[in-house]
Amino acid sequence: MDFFNSMDISSSAMSAERTRMNLISSNIANANSTRTAEGGPYKRKDAVFTASPLAGTFSNALDQAKRGLSRVDVSAIVEDTSAPRIQYDPSHPDADEKGYVALPNVNVIEEMADMISATRTYEANVTAAQAAKSMAMKTLELGR
């Protein structure tokens, strides 16, 4: 694996984790949003990651396929299909005739755990990119 492949793999992972972090932030921000443009409460969103081969020339693609090198891409952003939380609050403007309000299916504790996971994964990929850069710099120093 050369320097550019490792940087491409790490940067794709950082981009995917940044997308995941944005979705987590949106989920937390809308944890109490009872109205959306589609109608009804906000629905939790999550990213679907897909491993895909590194791009490049055909011969590089064959070589990388033999070595099993792949990058990560966000293939889709999906909405959680679980039912909304129901809470009794007859004073809420969106309460039904029985006094119940449909709230988003967002569990803030789970979102915080996902945020920690996304942050740690992002940091690990930053470290991997820095290690690849350091190795390349050490290699260049050999020519001195």
N, C-alpha and C. Protein backbone atom coordinates (compact mmCIF):
# COMPACT_ATOMS: atom_id res chain seq x y z
N MET A 1 0.86 -1.17 0.00
CA MET A 1 0.00 0.00 0.00
C MET A 1 0.90 1.23 0.00
N ASP A 2 0.65 2.13 -0.92
CA ASP A 2 1.46 3.33 -0.96
C ASP A 2 0.85 4.45 -0.12
N PHE A 3 1.59 5.53 -0.05
CA PHE A 3 1.20 6.68 0.77
C PHE A 3 -0.18 7.21 0.39
N PHE A 4 -0.43 7.33 -0.90
CA PHE A 4 -1.69 7.92 -1.35
C PHE A 4 -2.89 7.02 -1.07
N ASN A 5 -2.69 5.69 -1.16
CA ASN A 5 -3.79 4.78 -0.83
C ASN A 5 -4.18 4.92 0.63
N SER A 6 -3.20 4.95 1.51
CA SER A 6 -3.53 5.04 2.94
C SER A 6 -4.19 6.38 3.26
N MET A 7 -3.75 7.44 2.61
CA MET A 7 -4.38 8.75 2.83
C MET A 7 -5.81 8.75 2.29
N ASP A 8 -6.04 8.10 1.14
CA ASP A 8 -7.38 8.03 0.56
C ASP A 8 -8.32 7.25 1.48
N ILE A 9 -7.84 6.14 2.01
CA ILE A 9 -8.66 5.32 2.90
C ILE A 9 -9.00 6.10 4.17
N SER A 10 -8.00 6.73 4.78
CA SER A 10 -8.24 7.50 6.01
C SER A 10 -9.15 8.69 5.76
N SER A 11 -8.95 9.39 4.66
CA SER A 11 -9.78 10.57 4.39
C SER A 11 -11.23 10.18 4.08
N SER A 12 -11.43 9.02 3.42
CA SER A 12 -12.80 8.59 3.16
C SER A 12 -13.51 8.25 4.48
N ALA A 13 -12.78 7.64 5.40
CA ALA A 13 -13.36 7.31 6.70
C ALA A 13 -13.67 8.57 7.50
N MET A 14 -12.78 9.56 7.45
CA MET A 14 -13.04 10.82 8.16
C MET A 14 -14.26 11.52 7.58
N SER A 15 -14.41 11.50 6.27
CA SER A 15 -15.57 12.12 5.63
C SER A 15 -16.86 11.40 6.03
N ALA A 16 -16.82 10.08 6.05
CA ALA A 16 -18.01 9.30 6.44
C ALA A 16 -18.38 9.57 7.89
N GLU A 17 -17.38 9.64 8.77
CA GLU A 17 -17.66 9.90 10.18
C GLU A 17 -18.16 11.32 10.40
N ARG A 18 -17.71 12.26 9.57
CA ARG A 18 -18.21 13.63 9.66
C ARG A 18 -19.69 13.66 9.28
N THR A 19 -20.07 12.92 8.26
CA THR A 19 -21.48 12.82 7.88
C THR A 19 -22.28 12.20 9.02
N ARG A 20 -21.74 11.14 9.62
CA ARG A 20 -22.42 10.50 10.75
C ARG A 20 -22.59 11.48 11.90
N MET A 21 -21.55 12.26 12.19
CA MET A 21 -21.62 13.24 13.28
C MET A 21 -22.67 14.32 12.99
N ASN A 22 -22.77 14.75 11.73
CA ASN A 22 -23.79 15.73 11.36
C ASN A 22 -25.20 15.18 11.58
N LEU A 23 -25.40 13.91 11.25
CA LEU A 23 -26.71 13.28 11.46
C LEU A 23 -27.01 13.15 12.95
N ILE A 24 -26.01 12.79 13.74
CA ILE A 24 -26.20 12.69 15.19
C ILE A 24 -26.58 14.05 15.75
N SER A 25 -25.89 15.10 15.30
CA SER A 25 -26.21 16.46 15.77
C SER A 25 -27.63 16.84 15.40
N SER A 26 -28.05 16.49 14.20
CA SER A 26 -29.42 16.78 13.77
C SER A 26 -30.43 16.01 14.62
N ASN A 27 -30.12 14.75 14.92
CA ASN A 27 -31.02 13.95 15.75
C ASN A 27 -31.18 14.55 17.14
N ILE A 28 -30.07 14.96 17.74
CA ILE A 28 -30.12 15.54 19.09
C ILE A 28 -30.87 16.88 19.06
N ALA A 29 -30.57 17.69 18.05
CA ALA A 29 -31.22 19.00 17.96
C ALA A 29 -32.74 18.89 17.79
N ASN A 30 -33.18 17.81 17.15
CA ASN A 30 -34.61 17.65 16.88
C ASN A 30 -35.27 16.63 17.80
N ALA A 31 -34.68 16.37 18.94
CA ALA A 31 -35.20 15.34 19.86
C ALA A 31 -36.60 15.67 20.37
N ASN A 32 -37.01 16.92 20.26
CA ASN A 32 -38.35 17.31 20.74
C ASN A 32 -39.19 17.97 19.64
N SER A 33 -38.76 17.83 18.39
CA SER A 33 -39.49 18.45 17.27
C SER A 33 -40.72 17.61 16.92
N THR A 34 -41.88 18.17 17.14
CA THR A 34 -43.12 17.44 16.89
C THR A 34 -43.72 17.72 15.52
N ARG A 35 -43.14 18.67 14.80
CA ARG A 35 -43.65 19.02 13.47
C ARG A 35 -42.51 19.03 12.47
N THR A 36 -42.78 18.44 11.30
CA THR A 36 -41.83 18.48 10.19
C THR A 36 -42.57 18.86 8.92
N ALA A 37 -41.82 19.12 7.87
CA ALA A 37 -42.44 19.47 6.59
C ALA A 37 -43.26 18.31 6.04
N GLU A 38 -42.83 17.06 6.34
CA GLU A 38 -43.56 15.88 5.88
C GLU A 38 -44.79 15.61 6.74
N GLY A 39 -44.86 16.26 7.89
CA GLY A 39 -45.95 16.03 8.83
C GLY A 39 -45.53 15.04 9.90
N GLY A 40 -46.02 15.23 11.09
CA GLY A 40 -45.67 14.34 12.19
C GLY A 40 -44.34 14.71 12.82
N PRO A 41 -43.90 13.91 13.80
CA PRO A 41 -42.66 14.22 14.51
C PRO A 41 -41.42 13.90 13.66
N TYR A 42 -40.31 14.49 14.05
CA TYR A 42 -39.02 14.23 13.41
C TYR A 42 -38.70 12.75 13.50
N LYS A 43 -38.08 12.20 12.47
CA LYS A 43 -37.65 10.80 12.48
C LYS A 43 -36.13 10.74 12.49
N ARG A 44 -35.60 9.94 13.41
CA ARG A 44 -34.15 9.77 13.57
C ARG A 44 -33.53 9.32 12.24
N LYS A 45 -32.36 9.87 11.94
CA LYS A 45 -31.65 9.52 10.71
C LYS A 45 -30.30 8.88 11.05
N ASP A 46 -29.87 7.98 10.18
CA ASP A 46 -28.59 7.29 10.38
C ASP A 46 -27.93 7.07 9.03
N ALA A 47 -26.60 7.00 9.03
CA ALA A 47 -25.84 6.79 7.80
C ALA A 47 -25.56 5.30 7.62
N VAL A 48 -25.60 4.87 6.36
CA VAL A 48 -25.24 3.50 6.02
C VAL A 48 -23.88 3.57 5.34
N PHE A 49 -22.89 2.88 5.93
CA PHE A 49 -21.54 2.86 5.39
C PHE A 49 -21.36 1.65 4.48
N THR A 50 -20.61 1.84 3.40
CA THR A 50 -20.32 0.77 2.45
C THR A 50 -18.83 0.75 2.15
N ALA A 51 -18.24 -0.44 2.20
CA ALA A 51 -16.84 -0.59 1.79
C ALA A 51 -16.81 -0.67 0.27
N SER A 52 -15.96 0.14 -0.35
CA SER A 52 -15.85 0.12 -1.80
C SER A 52 -14.38 0.14 -2.20
N PRO A 53 -14.05 -0.47 -3.33
CA PRO A 53 -12.65 -0.52 -3.74
C PRO A 53 -12.10 0.87 -4.02
N LEU A 54 -10.80 0.99 -3.84
CA LEU A 54 -10.14 2.27 -4.14
C LEU A 54 -10.23 2.57 -5.62
N ALA A 55 -10.42 3.83 -5.96
CA ALA A 55 -10.47 4.24 -7.36
C ALA A 55 -9.07 4.32 -7.93
N GLY A 56 -8.97 4.34 -9.22
CA GLY A 56 -7.67 4.46 -9.88
C GLY A 56 -7.70 3.78 -11.22
N THR A 57 -6.50 3.44 -11.71
CA THR A 57 -6.41 2.77 -13.00
C THR A 57 -6.87 1.33 -12.88
N PHE A 58 -7.10 0.70 -14.01
CA PHE A 58 -7.56 -0.68 -14.02
C PHE A 58 -6.54 -1.61 -13.39
N SER A 59 -5.26 -1.43 -13.73
CA SER A 59 -4.23 -2.30 -13.16
C SER A 59 -4.10 -2.09 -11.65
N ASN A 60 -4.24 -0.83 -11.21
CA ASN A 60 -4.22 -0.57 -9.77
C ASN A 60 -5.41 -1.22 -9.08
N ALA A 61 -6.57 -1.17 -9.74
CA ALA A 61 -7.77 -1.77 -9.16
C ALA A 61 -7.60 -3.27 -8.99
N LEU A 62 -6.99 -3.93 -9.98
CA LEU A 62 -6.75 -5.37 -9.86
C LEU A 62 -5.78 -5.66 -8.73
N ASP A 63 -4.72 -4.86 -8.64
CA ASP A 63 -3.72 -5.05 -7.58
C ASP A 63 -4.34 -4.82 -6.21
N GLN A 64 -5.16 -3.78 -6.07
CA GLN A 64 -5.78 -3.47 -4.79
C GLN A 64 -6.83 -4.51 -4.41
N ALA A 65 -7.52 -5.07 -5.41
CA ALA A 65 -8.50 -6.11 -5.13
C ALA A 65 -7.82 -7.33 -4.55
N LYS A 66 -6.62 -7.63 -5.05
CA LYS A 66 -5.87 -8.77 -4.51
C LYS A 66 -5.50 -8.54 -3.05
N ARG A 67 -5.19 -7.29 -2.72
CA ARG A 67 -4.78 -6.97 -1.35
C ARG A 67 -5.95 -6.66 -0.44
N GLY A 68 -7.13 -6.54 -0.99
CA GLY A 68 -8.31 -6.28 -0.18
C GLY A 68 -8.44 -4.86 0.34
N LEU A 69 -7.85 -3.89 -0.36
CA LEU A 69 -7.93 -2.50 0.08
C LEU A 69 -9.28 -1.91 -0.29
N SER A 70 -9.91 -1.27 0.67
CA SER A 70 -11.18 -0.61 0.37
C SER A 70 -11.32 0.64 1.22
N ARG A 71 -12.06 1.56 0.69
CA ARG A 71 -12.38 2.80 1.37
C ARG A 71 -13.81 2.71 1.88
N VAL A 72 -14.25 3.69 2.62
CA VAL A 72 -15.63 3.68 3.13
C VAL A 72 -16.38 4.85 2.51
N ASP A 73 -17.61 4.58 2.12
CA ASP A 73 -18.47 5.61 1.56
C ASP A 73 -19.81 5.57 2.28
N VAL A 74 -20.48 6.71 2.32
CA VAL A 74 -21.84 6.76 2.85
C VAL A 74 -22.75 6.44 1.67
N SER A 75 -23.35 5.25 1.69
CA SER A 75 -24.17 4.83 0.55
C SER A 75 -25.60 5.33 0.67
N ALA A 76 -26.06 5.60 1.89
CA ALA A 76 -27.43 6.08 2.07
C ALA A 76 -27.59 6.72 3.44
N ILE A 77 -28.58 7.57 3.52
CA ILE A 77 -29.01 8.12 4.81
C ILE A 77 -30.45 7.66 4.97
N VAL A 78 -30.65 6.87 6.02
CA VAL A 78 -31.97 6.25 6.22
C VAL A 78 -32.66 6.82 7.45
N GLU A 79 -33.98 6.81 7.39
CA GLU A 79 -34.78 7.23 8.54
C GLU A 79 -35.14 6.01 9.37
N ASP A 80 -35.09 6.16 10.67
CA ASP A 80 -35.49 5.10 11.59
C ASP A 80 -37.00 4.91 11.46
N THR A 81 -37.43 3.68 11.26
CA THR A 81 -38.86 3.41 11.06
C THR A 81 -39.59 3.04 12.34
N SER A 82 -38.89 3.08 13.48
CA SER A 82 -39.57 2.74 14.73
C SER A 82 -40.64 3.78 15.06
N ALA A 83 -41.59 3.37 15.85
CA ALA A 83 -42.72 4.23 16.21
C ALA A 83 -42.25 5.42 17.04
N PRO A 84 -42.95 6.54 16.94
CA PRO A 84 -42.59 7.70 17.76
C PRO A 84 -42.92 7.43 19.23
N ARG A 85 -42.25 8.18 20.10
CA ARG A 85 -42.57 8.09 21.53
C ARG A 85 -43.89 8.81 21.76
N ILE A 86 -44.72 8.24 22.59
CA ILE A 86 -46.00 8.86 22.90
C ILE A 86 -45.96 9.34 24.35
N GLN A 87 -46.32 10.60 24.54
CA GLN A 87 -46.29 11.20 25.87
C GLN A 87 -47.60 11.92 26.14
N TYR A 88 -48.08 11.79 27.34
CA TYR A 88 -49.32 12.47 27.73
C TYR A 88 -49.01 13.91 28.12
N ASP A 89 -49.54 14.86 27.35
CA ASP A 89 -49.35 16.28 27.62
C ASP A 89 -50.50 17.05 26.94
N PRO A 90 -51.64 17.09 27.60
CA PRO A 90 -52.81 17.73 26.97
C PRO A 90 -52.63 19.22 26.68
N SER A 91 -51.66 19.88 27.32
CA SER A 91 -51.45 21.30 27.07
C SER A 91 -50.59 21.56 25.83
N HIS A 92 -49.99 20.53 25.26
CA HIS A 92 -49.12 20.69 24.08
C HIS A 92 -49.98 21.01 22.85
N PRO A 93 -49.54 21.94 22.01
CA PRO A 93 -50.34 22.31 20.83
C PRO A 93 -50.53 21.16 19.84
N ASP A 94 -49.66 20.16 19.86
CA ASP A 94 -49.78 19.03 18.92
C ASP A 94 -50.41 17.80 19.57
N ALA A 95 -51.00 17.96 20.73
CA ALA A 95 -51.65 16.84 21.40
C ALA A 95 -52.91 16.43 20.63
N ASP A 96 -53.17 15.12 20.62
CA ASP A 96 -54.39 14.64 19.98
C ASP A 96 -55.60 14.85 20.91
N GLU A 97 -56.75 14.38 20.50
CA GLU A 97 -57.97 14.60 21.28
C GLU A 97 -57.93 13.93 22.65
N LYS A 98 -57.05 12.92 22.83
CA LYS A 98 -56.92 12.25 24.13
C LYS A 98 -55.82 12.88 24.99
N GLY A 99 -55.10 13.86 24.43
CA GLY A 99 -54.05 14.54 25.19
C GLY A 99 -52.66 13.96 24.99
N TYR A 100 -52.47 13.06 24.03
CA TYR A 100 -51.17 12.44 23.79
C TYR A 100 -50.44 13.14 22.65
N VAL A 101 -49.12 13.26 22.79
CA VAL A 101 -48.27 13.91 21.79
C VAL A 101 -47.30 12.87 21.24
N ALA A 102 -47.15 12.83 19.92
CA ALA A 102 -46.17 11.96 19.27
C ALA A 102 -44.84 12.72 19.21
N LEU A 103 -43.83 12.18 19.89
CA LEU A 103 -42.49 12.79 19.93
C LEU A 103 -41.52 11.98 19.07
N PRO A 104 -40.43 12.58 18.63
CA PRO A 104 -39.46 11.87 17.79
C PRO A 104 -38.94 10.59 18.46
N ASN A 105 -38.54 9.63 17.61
CA ASN A 105 -38.00 8.37 18.08
C ASN A 105 -36.49 8.49 18.35
N VAL A 106 -36.09 9.59 18.94
CA VAL A 106 -34.67 9.87 19.23
C VAL A 106 -34.41 9.61 20.71
N ASN A 107 -33.45 8.75 20.98
CA ASN A 107 -32.99 8.49 22.34
C ASN A 107 -31.68 9.25 22.52
N VAL A 108 -31.68 10.31 23.27
CA VAL A 108 -30.51 11.18 23.40
C VAL A 108 -29.31 10.42 23.97
N ILE A 109 -29.54 9.47 24.87
CA ILE A 109 -28.44 8.69 25.44
C ILE A 109 -27.76 7.85 24.35
N GLU A 110 -28.56 7.22 23.50
CA GLU A 110 -27.97 6.46 22.38
C GLU A 110 -27.22 7.37 21.42
N GLU A 111 -27.77 8.54 21.18
CA GLU A 111 -27.11 9.49 20.28
C GLU A 111 -25.76 9.94 20.86
N MET A 112 -25.72 10.15 22.17
CA MET A 112 -24.45 10.55 22.80
C MET A 112 -23.42 9.42 22.69
N ALA A 113 -23.86 8.17 22.88
CA ALA A 113 -22.94 7.04 22.71
C ALA A 113 -22.45 6.94 21.28
N ASP A 114 -23.35 7.15 20.30
CA ASP A 114 -22.95 7.15 18.89
C ASP A 114 -21.98 8.29 18.60
N MET A 115 -22.19 9.45 19.27
CA MET A 115 -21.30 10.58 19.07
C MET A 115 -19.89 10.26 19.56
N ILE A 116 -19.80 9.61 20.70
CA ILE A 116 -18.48 9.21 21.22
C ILE A 116 -17.81 8.24 20.26
N SER A 117 -18.59 7.27 19.76
CA SER A 117 -18.05 6.29 18.80
C SER A 117 -17.55 6.98 17.53
N ALA A 118 -18.34 7.90 16.98
CA ALA A 118 -17.95 8.62 15.77
C ALA A 118 -16.69 9.45 16.01
N THR A 119 -16.62 10.09 17.16
CA THR A 119 -15.45 10.91 17.49
C THR A 119 -14.19 10.05 17.60
N ARG A 120 -14.30 8.91 18.28
CA ARG A 120 -13.14 8.02 18.45
C ARG A 120 -12.68 7.45 17.10
N THR A 121 -13.64 7.09 16.25
CA THR A 121 -13.29 6.56 14.94
C THR A 121 -12.62 7.64 14.09
N TYR A 122 -13.14 8.85 14.14
CA TYR A 122 -12.53 9.97 13.41
C TYR A 122 -11.09 10.19 13.89
N GLU A 123 -10.91 10.21 15.22
CA GLU A 123 -9.57 10.41 15.78
C GLU A 123 -8.62 9.29 15.37
N ALA A 124 -9.09 8.06 15.33
CA ALA A 124 -8.25 6.93 14.92
C ALA A 124 -7.80 7.09 13.47
N ASN A 125 -8.69 7.59 12.62
CA ASN A 125 -8.33 7.79 11.22
C ASN A 125 -7.39 8.98 11.04
N VAL A 126 -7.53 10.00 11.88
CA VAL A 126 -6.57 11.11 11.86
C VAL A 126 -5.18 10.58 12.24
N THR A 127 -5.12 9.74 13.25
CA THR A 127 -3.85 9.15 13.69
C THR A 127 -3.25 8.30 12.58
N ALA A 128 -4.07 7.51 11.89
CA ALA A 128 -3.57 6.68 10.78
C ALA A 128 -3.01 7.55 9.66
N ALA A 129 -3.71 8.65 9.34
CA ALA A 129 -3.23 9.56 8.29
C ALA A 129 -1.92 10.23 8.72
N GLN A 130 -1.82 10.61 9.99
CA GLN A 130 -0.58 11.21 10.48
C GLN A 130 0.57 10.20 10.44
N ALA A 131 0.28 8.94 10.75
CA ALA A 131 1.32 7.91 10.70
C ALA A 131 1.80 7.70 9.27
N ALA A 132 0.89 7.69 8.31
CA ALA A 132 1.27 7.54 6.90
C ALA A 132 2.11 8.74 6.45
N LYS A 133 1.72 9.92 6.87
CA LYS A 133 2.49 11.13 6.53
C LYS A 133 3.87 11.06 7.14
N SER A 134 3.97 10.64 8.39
CA SER A 134 5.26 10.53 9.07
C SER A 134 6.16 9.51 8.36
N MET A 135 5.58 8.39 7.95
CA MET A 135 6.37 7.39 7.24
C MET A 135 6.89 7.93 5.91
N ALA A 136 6.04 8.68 5.20
CA ALA A 136 6.46 9.27 3.94
C ALA A 136 7.58 10.29 4.16
N MET A 137 7.47 11.09 5.20
CA MET A 137 8.51 12.07 5.50
C MET A 137 9.84 11.40 5.85
N LYS A 138 9.77 10.33 6.63
CA LYS A 138 10.98 9.58 6.98
C LYS A 138 11.63 8.98 5.73
N THR A 139 10.80 8.52 4.80
CA THR A 139 11.32 7.97 3.56
C THR A 139 12.03 9.05 2.77
N LEU A 140 11.46 10.25 2.73
CA LEU A 140 12.10 11.35 2.00
C LEU A 140 13.42 11.77 2.64
N GLU A 141 13.52 11.61 3.94
CA GLU A 141 14.76 11.96 4.65
C GLU A 141 15.90 11.02 4.31
N LEU A 142 15.59 9.83 3.81
CA LEU A 142 16.64 8.89 3.42
C LEU A 142 17.49 9.43 2.28
N GLY A 143 16.92 10.27 1.44
CA GLY A 143 17.63 10.83 0.31
C GLY A 143 18.63 11.92 0.66
N ARG A 144 18.65 12.34 1.90
CA ARG A 144 19.55 13.43 2.30
C ARG A 144 20.94 12.96 2.50
